[in-house]
Amino acid sequence: MVITICIGSSCHLKGSRSIIQGLEKKIRENELCSQIELNGSFCTGECENGVCVKIDDELFSVSPETVDTFFENEVLRRVR
């Protein structure tokens, strides 16, 4: 699975760094390092709501406050 987090200026200001750190932590805690690849990208053009995060080709809007829920509901569901 490839998760891509926007690190463009708008998403950076909305907390993309915190989201990356949160996802890295959750991936380690769940021992999924060999199954999930984290990538960064610049603007995806969908930054109105929050930080743009893609799982493969599906786009999500995530905030630092929702990263744990996003991981549980979207990432773990696809891995298991």
N, C-alpha and C. Protein backbone atom coordinates (compact mmCIF):
# COMPACT_ATOMS: atom_id res chain seq x y z
N MET A 1 0.85 -1.17 0.00
CA MET A 1 0.00 0.00 0.00
C MET A 1 0.89 1.24 0.00
N VAL A 2 0.50 2.21 -0.80
CA VAL A 2 1.24 3.47 -0.86
C VAL A 2 0.33 4.58 -0.32
N ILE A 3 0.84 5.29 0.69
CA ILE A 3 0.13 6.45 1.23
C ILE A 3 0.95 7.68 0.88
N THR A 4 0.31 8.63 0.20
CA THR A 4 0.99 9.85 -0.23
C THR A 4 0.37 11.04 0.50
N ILE A 5 1.21 11.82 1.16
CA ILE A 5 0.77 12.98 1.92
C ILE A 5 1.26 14.24 1.21
N CYS A 6 0.35 15.18 1.00
CA CYS A 6 0.73 16.44 0.38
C CYS A 6 1.59 17.24 1.36
N ILE A 7 2.69 17.77 0.86
CA ILE A 7 3.57 18.61 1.67
C ILE A 7 3.70 20.00 1.05
N GLY A 8 2.75 20.34 0.19
CA GLY A 8 2.73 21.68 -0.40
C GLY A 8 2.47 22.72 0.67
N SER A 9 2.61 23.98 0.33
CA SER A 9 2.56 25.05 1.34
C SER A 9 1.24 25.09 2.10
N SER A 10 0.11 24.94 1.43
CA SER A 10 -1.19 24.99 2.12
C SER A 10 -1.34 23.81 3.08
N CYS A 11 -1.01 22.62 2.62
CA CYS A 11 -1.12 21.44 3.48
C CYS A 11 -0.09 21.48 4.60
N HIS A 12 1.08 22.03 4.33
CA HIS A 12 2.09 22.18 5.38
C HIS A 12 1.54 23.05 6.51
N LEU A 13 0.89 24.14 6.14
CA LEU A 13 0.31 25.03 7.15
C LEU A 13 -0.84 24.37 7.91
N LYS A 14 -1.48 23.40 7.29
CA LYS A 14 -2.60 22.69 7.92
C LYS A 14 -2.15 21.48 8.73
N GLY A 15 -0.85 21.22 8.78
CA GLY A 15 -0.34 20.17 9.66
C GLY A 15 0.14 18.89 9.01
N SER A 16 0.58 18.97 7.76
CA SER A 16 1.03 17.74 7.10
C SER A 16 2.19 17.06 7.84
N ARG A 17 3.06 17.84 8.45
CA ARG A 17 4.18 17.25 9.20
C ARG A 17 3.67 16.40 10.36
N SER A 18 2.67 16.90 11.08
CA SER A 18 2.08 16.14 12.20
C SER A 18 1.41 14.87 11.70
N ILE A 19 0.79 14.95 10.54
CA ILE A 19 0.12 13.78 9.97
C ILE A 19 1.14 12.73 9.59
N ILE A 20 2.23 13.15 8.98
CA ILE A 20 3.30 12.21 8.62
C ILE A 20 3.83 11.53 9.88
N GLN A 21 4.10 12.30 10.91
CA GLN A 21 4.62 11.74 12.16
C GLN A 21 3.61 10.78 12.80
N GLY A 22 2.33 11.15 12.76
CA GLY A 22 1.29 10.28 13.31
C GLY A 22 1.18 8.98 12.55
N LEU A 23 1.23 9.05 11.22
CA LEU A 23 1.16 7.83 10.41
C LEU A 23 2.38 6.95 10.62
N GLU A 24 3.56 7.56 10.68
CA GLU A 24 4.78 6.79 10.94
C GLU A 24 4.67 6.03 12.26
N LYS A 25 4.17 6.71 13.27
CA LYS A 25 4.01 6.09 14.60
C LYS A 25 3.03 4.92 14.54
N LYS A 26 1.88 5.13 13.92
CA LYS A 26 0.87 4.08 13.83
C LYS A 26 1.37 2.89 13.01
N ILE A 27 2.10 3.16 11.95
CA ILE A 27 2.65 2.08 11.13
C ILE A 27 3.63 1.24 11.94
N ARG A 28 4.49 1.90 12.71
CA ARG A 28 5.44 1.17 13.57
C ARG A 28 4.71 0.37 14.65
N GLU A 29 3.75 1.01 15.32
CA GLU A 29 3.01 0.34 16.40
C GLU A 29 2.29 -0.91 15.91
N ASN A 30 1.82 -0.88 14.69
CA ASN A 30 1.08 -2.01 14.13
C ASN A 30 1.96 -2.94 13.31
N GLU A 31 3.26 -2.71 13.35
CA GLU A 31 4.25 -3.54 12.65
C GLU A 31 3.91 -3.73 11.17
N LEU A 32 3.65 -2.59 10.50
CA LEU A 32 3.26 -2.61 9.10
C LEU A 32 4.30 -1.97 8.18
N CYS A 33 5.50 -1.79 8.69
CA CYS A 33 6.55 -1.11 7.90
C CYS A 33 6.83 -1.80 6.57
N SER A 34 6.70 -3.10 6.52
CA SER A 34 6.98 -3.81 5.27
C SER A 34 5.79 -3.78 4.30
N GLN A 35 4.63 -3.32 4.78
CA GLN A 35 3.44 -3.34 3.94
C GLN A 35 2.98 -1.96 3.47
N ILE A 36 3.49 -0.91 4.12
CA ILE A 36 3.04 0.44 3.80
C ILE A 36 4.23 1.32 3.46
N GLU A 37 4.11 2.02 2.35
CA GLU A 37 5.13 2.99 1.92
C GLU A 37 4.53 4.39 2.04
N LEU A 38 5.23 5.27 2.75
CA LEU A 38 4.81 6.66 2.85
C LEU A 38 5.59 7.50 1.85
N ASN A 39 4.87 8.34 1.11
CA ASN A 39 5.48 9.25 0.15
C ASN A 39 4.97 10.66 0.40
N GLY A 40 5.72 11.63 -0.06
CA GLY A 40 5.28 13.02 -0.04
C GLY A 40 5.05 13.49 -1.46
N SER A 41 4.16 14.47 -1.61
CA SER A 41 3.95 15.07 -2.92
C SER A 41 3.64 16.54 -2.74
N PHE A 42 3.77 17.28 -3.80
CA PHE A 42 3.38 18.68 -3.74
C PHE A 42 1.92 18.79 -4.13
N CYS A 43 1.40 19.95 -4.20
CA CYS A 43 -0.03 20.22 -4.29
C CYS A 43 -0.79 19.29 -5.22
N THR A 44 -1.87 18.75 -4.69
CA THR A 44 -2.77 17.91 -5.48
C THR A 44 -3.99 18.69 -5.93
N GLY A 45 -4.09 19.94 -5.49
CA GLY A 45 -5.19 20.80 -5.90
C GLY A 45 -6.49 20.59 -5.16
N GLU A 46 -6.46 19.85 -4.07
CA GLU A 46 -7.67 19.54 -3.31
C GLU A 46 -7.51 19.91 -1.84
N CYS A 47 -7.00 21.10 -1.57
CA CYS A 47 -6.59 21.43 -0.21
C CYS A 47 -7.58 22.31 0.56
N GLU A 48 -8.83 22.40 0.13
CA GLU A 48 -9.78 23.26 0.81
C GLU A 48 -10.10 22.79 2.23
N ASN A 49 -10.22 21.47 2.42
CA ASN A 49 -10.72 20.94 3.69
C ASN A 49 -9.65 20.57 4.70
N GLY A 50 -8.53 20.10 4.25
CA GLY A 50 -7.48 19.64 5.15
C GLY A 50 -6.31 19.17 4.32
N VAL A 51 -5.44 18.42 4.95
CA VAL A 51 -4.26 17.90 4.26
C VAL A 51 -4.70 16.76 3.34
N CYS A 52 -4.26 16.83 2.10
CA CYS A 52 -4.59 15.80 1.11
C CYS A 52 -3.72 14.57 1.35
N VAL A 53 -4.38 13.44 1.53
CA VAL A 53 -3.70 12.17 1.72
C VAL A 53 -4.34 11.17 0.76
N LYS A 54 -3.50 10.46 0.04
CA LYS A 54 -3.99 9.44 -0.90
C LYS A 54 -3.56 8.07 -0.41
N ILE A 55 -4.49 7.14 -0.49
CA ILE A 55 -4.16 5.72 -0.34
C ILE A 55 -4.29 5.15 -1.74
N ASP A 56 -3.17 4.73 -2.28
CA ASP A 56 -3.09 4.35 -3.68
C ASP A 56 -3.66 5.52 -4.50
N ASP A 57 -4.84 5.43 -5.09
CA ASP A 57 -5.36 6.55 -5.87
C ASP A 57 -6.61 7.19 -5.26
N GLU A 58 -6.97 6.80 -4.05
CA GLU A 58 -8.16 7.36 -3.40
C GLU A 58 -7.75 8.53 -2.50
N LEU A 59 -8.41 9.68 -2.68
CA LEU A 59 -8.06 10.91 -1.98
C LEU A 59 -8.88 11.09 -0.71
N PHE A 60 -8.20 11.52 0.37
CA PHE A 60 -8.83 11.81 1.65
C PHE A 60 -8.36 13.17 2.13
N SER A 61 -9.16 13.78 2.99
CA SER A 61 -8.78 15.03 3.63
C SER A 61 -8.59 14.71 5.11
N VAL A 62 -7.38 14.93 5.63
CA VAL A 62 -7.03 14.53 6.98
C VAL A 62 -6.49 15.75 7.73
N SER A 63 -6.72 15.79 9.03
CA SER A 63 -6.14 16.83 9.88
C SER A 63 -5.33 16.14 10.97
N PRO A 64 -4.46 16.88 11.66
CA PRO A 64 -3.71 16.26 12.76
C PRO A 64 -4.64 15.63 13.81
N GLU A 65 -5.82 16.19 13.98
CA GLU A 65 -6.77 15.67 14.96
C GLU A 65 -7.46 14.38 14.50
N THR A 66 -7.49 14.15 13.20
CA THR A 66 -8.20 12.97 12.69
C THR A 66 -7.28 11.87 12.17
N VAL A 67 -5.97 12.04 12.32
CA VAL A 67 -5.03 11.07 11.75
C VAL A 67 -5.21 9.68 12.35
N ASP A 68 -5.47 9.58 13.65
CA ASP A 68 -5.65 8.26 14.27
C ASP A 68 -6.90 7.57 13.74
N THR A 69 -7.98 8.30 13.64
CA THR A 69 -9.23 7.75 13.10
C THR A 69 -9.06 7.34 11.64
N PHE A 70 -8.38 8.20 10.88
CA PHE A 70 -8.10 7.88 9.48
C PHE A 70 -7.32 6.57 9.38
N PHE A 71 -6.31 6.42 10.20
CA PHE A 71 -5.50 5.20 10.17
C PHE A 71 -6.35 3.98 10.49
N GLU A 72 -7.13 4.07 11.56
CA GLU A 72 -7.96 2.93 11.98
C GLU A 72 -9.00 2.59 10.92
N ASN A 73 -9.71 3.59 10.41
CA ASN A 73 -10.84 3.35 9.50
C ASN A 73 -10.43 3.06 8.06
N GLU A 74 -9.37 3.68 7.60
CA GLU A 74 -9.01 3.56 6.18
C GLU A 74 -7.79 2.67 5.94
N VAL A 75 -6.75 2.87 6.72
CA VAL A 75 -5.51 2.12 6.47
C VAL A 75 -5.64 0.68 6.96
N LEU A 76 -5.98 0.51 8.23
CA LEU A 76 -6.06 -0.84 8.78
C LEU A 76 -7.09 -1.69 8.05
N ARG A 77 -8.18 -1.09 7.66
CA ARG A 77 -9.23 -1.81 6.93
C ARG A 77 -8.69 -2.41 5.63
N ARG A 78 -7.79 -1.71 4.99
CA ARG A 78 -7.25 -2.18 3.71
C ARG A 78 -6.12 -3.18 3.88
N VAL A 79 -5.42 -3.11 4.99
CA VAL A 79 -4.27 -3.98 5.21
C VAL A 79 -4.70 -5.36 5.70
N ARG A 80 -5.72 -5.39 6.51
CA ARG A 80 -6.13 -6.66 7.13
C ARG A 80 -7.19 -7.37 6.39
